[in-house]
Protein backbone atom coordinates (compact mmCIF):
# COMPACT_ATOMS: atom_id res chain seq x y z
CA MET A 1 73.17 128.82 148.11
CA ALA A 2 71.67 126.83 150.89
CA ILE A 3 74.70 124.64 151.84
CA GLN A 4 78.31 124.42 150.85
CA ARG A 5 78.92 120.68 151.57
CA MET A 6 78.07 117.93 154.02
CA ASP A 7 80.59 118.45 156.82
CA ASN A 8 80.29 115.27 158.88
CA VAL A 9 78.05 112.49 160.26
CA GLY A 10 77.82 112.28 164.01
CA ILE A 11 77.47 109.05 165.99
CA VAL A 12 77.15 108.80 169.82
CA VAL A 13 79.12 105.91 171.25
CA GLU A 14 79.86 104.46 174.71
CA ASP A 15 83.23 102.85 173.89
CA MET A 16 85.25 105.49 172.07
CA ASP A 17 88.41 103.37 171.72
CA ALA A 18 86.55 100.47 170.08
CA ALA A 19 84.67 102.76 167.73
CA VAL A 20 87.79 104.68 166.71
CA ALA A 21 89.70 101.41 166.16
CA TYR A 22 86.81 100.04 164.00
CA PHE A 23 86.72 103.08 161.71
CA MET A 24 90.54 103.25 161.48
CA GLU A 25 90.48 99.62 160.30
CA LEU A 26 88.26 100.86 157.50
CA GLY A 27 91.01 103.29 156.56
CA MET A 28 89.74 106.47 158.22
CA GLU A 29 92.30 108.75 159.93
CA VAL A 30 91.88 110.56 163.21
CA GLU A 31 91.82 114.26 162.45
CA GLY A 32 91.61 115.30 166.11
CA THR A 33 90.13 114.71 169.48
CA ALA A 34 88.74 117.10 172.06
CA GLN A 35 86.50 117.44 175.09
CA VAL A 36 83.55 119.72 174.52
CA GLU A 37 81.71 121.41 177.38
CA GLY A 38 80.36 124.78 178.47
CA LEU A 39 77.66 127.20 177.44
CA PHE A 40 78.32 126.83 173.71
CA ALA A 41 77.87 123.07 173.89
CA ASP A 42 74.63 123.39 175.87
CA GLN A 43 73.27 125.95 173.43
CA CYS A 44 74.19 123.94 170.39
CA THR A 45 72.75 120.62 171.60
CA GLY A 46 69.81 121.88 173.64
CA LEU A 47 71.04 119.88 176.61
CA ASP A 48 72.19 121.13 180.05
CA GLY A 49 75.63 120.40 181.47
CA VAL A 50 77.19 118.85 178.34
CA ARG A 51 80.53 117.25 178.78
CA CYS A 52 81.47 115.18 175.75
CA ASP A 53 84.61 113.59 174.30
CA ILE A 54 84.78 113.73 170.54
CA ALA A 55 86.95 112.19 167.89
CA MET A 56 86.84 113.55 164.35
CA LEU A 57 87.85 111.03 161.66
CA ARG A 58 88.26 111.64 157.94
CA THR A 59 88.32 109.49 154.85
CA PRO A 60 91.64 109.14 153.03
CA ASP A 61 90.47 111.46 150.25
CA GLY A 62 89.76 114.20 152.87
CA HIS A 63 86.18 114.77 151.75
CA GLY A 64 84.22 112.64 154.23
CA ARG A 65 84.24 113.09 157.99
CA LEU A 66 82.72 111.19 160.91
CA GLU A 67 82.39 112.64 164.42
CA LEU A 68 82.26 110.12 167.26
CA ALA A 69 80.90 111.50 170.53
CA LYS A 70 81.01 109.97 173.99
CA TYR A 71 78.80 111.86 176.45
CA ARG A 72 80.07 112.08 180.00
CA SER A 73 77.19 114.38 180.95
CA PRO A 74 74.24 114.23 180.61
CA ALA A 75 74.01 110.44 180.70
CA VAL A 76 73.56 108.64 177.39
CA ILE A 77 70.03 107.53 176.61
CA SER A 78 69.92 103.98 175.32
CA ASP A 79 66.34 102.70 175.09
CA LEU A 80 66.74 100.80 171.85
CA PRO A 81 68.56 97.47 171.39
CA ARG A 82 71.92 97.71 169.61
CA ASP A 83 70.96 94.95 167.25
CA ARG A 84 68.00 96.79 165.85
CA PRO A 85 66.97 95.92 162.28
CA HIS A 86 68.05 97.93 159.26
CA ASN A 87 64.53 99.19 158.47
CA ILE A 88 64.04 101.27 161.69
CA LEU A 89 63.24 104.96 161.23
CA GLY A 90 66.11 107.42 161.39
CA THR A 91 69.77 107.11 160.47
CA HIS A 92 70.57 103.55 159.80
CA ARG A 93 74.00 103.32 158.25
CA VAL A 94 76.98 105.07 156.88
CA MET A 95 78.19 103.84 153.43
CA PHE A 96 81.84 103.57 152.39
CA ALA A 97 83.35 102.76 148.96
CA VAL A 98 86.04 100.12 149.31
CA ASP A 99 88.57 98.40 147.00
CA ASP A 100 88.11 94.88 148.29
CA ILE A 101 84.85 94.13 150.05
CA GLU A 102 85.79 90.61 151.20
CA ASP A 103 89.05 91.78 152.70
CA THR A 104 87.32 94.76 154.38
CA VAL A 105 84.73 92.46 155.97
CA ALA A 106 87.38 90.05 157.17
CA ARG A 107 89.37 92.90 158.82
CA LEU A 108 86.27 94.42 160.44
CA ARG A 109 85.39 91.02 161.90
CA THR A 110 88.56 91.22 163.99
CA HIS A 111 86.84 94.24 165.68
CA GLY A 112 83.62 92.37 166.36
CA ALA A 113 81.75 93.18 163.18
CA GLU A 114 79.04 90.79 161.98
CA LEU A 115 77.83 90.59 158.41
CA LEU A 116 74.11 91.32 158.02
CA GLY A 117 72.88 89.04 155.31
CA GLU A 118 75.59 88.44 152.81
CA ILE A 119 77.75 90.19 150.21
CA ALA A 120 75.38 90.77 147.28
CA ARG A 121 75.99 91.61 143.67
CA TYR A 122 74.02 94.49 142.11
CA GLU A 123 73.98 93.78 138.41
CA ASP A 124 77.49 94.23 136.95
CA SER A 125 77.99 97.41 138.97
CA TYR A 126 78.63 96.75 142.67
CA LEU A 127 79.25 94.25 145.37
CA LEU A 128 77.36 95.55 148.47
CA CYS A 129 76.88 94.49 152.10
CA TYR A 130 76.02 95.80 155.54
CA VAL A 131 78.06 94.99 158.67
CA ARG A 132 77.16 95.76 162.29
CA GLY A 133 80.11 96.88 164.39
CA PRO A 134 80.75 98.35 167.82
CA GLU A 135 77.85 100.16 169.42
CA GLY A 136 75.47 98.52 166.95
CA ILE A 137 76.60 100.88 164.18
CA ILE A 138 75.70 99.61 160.69
CA VAL A 139 78.23 100.32 157.99
CA GLY A 140 77.46 99.76 154.36
CA LEU A 141 80.31 98.70 152.06
CA ALA A 142 80.32 99.13 148.29
CA GLN A 143 82.94 97.74 145.90
CA GLN A 144 82.50 99.05 142.40
CA LEU A 145 83.09 96.43 139.75
CA LYS A 146 85.19 97.21 136.74
């Protein structure tokens, strides 16, 4: 067997508190926090002098995890605008299933989220939308219709 499961998705942030609050508003729970540094961190990342704060969050069902990382050293590289469009190469969003998409969007707006486009209906199956939150992170929301 090649893999057992997807363990987590990692996102580098500058404002850890804002990012944690945003994902907690979605319903994620903080599993733990730590500072990572030393030879193992350098070897794993291919960087020198890594000093990084991390927060591991998990979905309520315990199956999905998100690792937020704030690099203290080396300095964060930020050469792209935070409001980059959805069709840029690379990771562009994390998708979450929600019970009430309109309520979720309203709650995330209190954390600075902006709706990209609008809430759209896909046939009789889903309501879907993308929101951009702290650090420019795009989150997809999907509400399954009964």
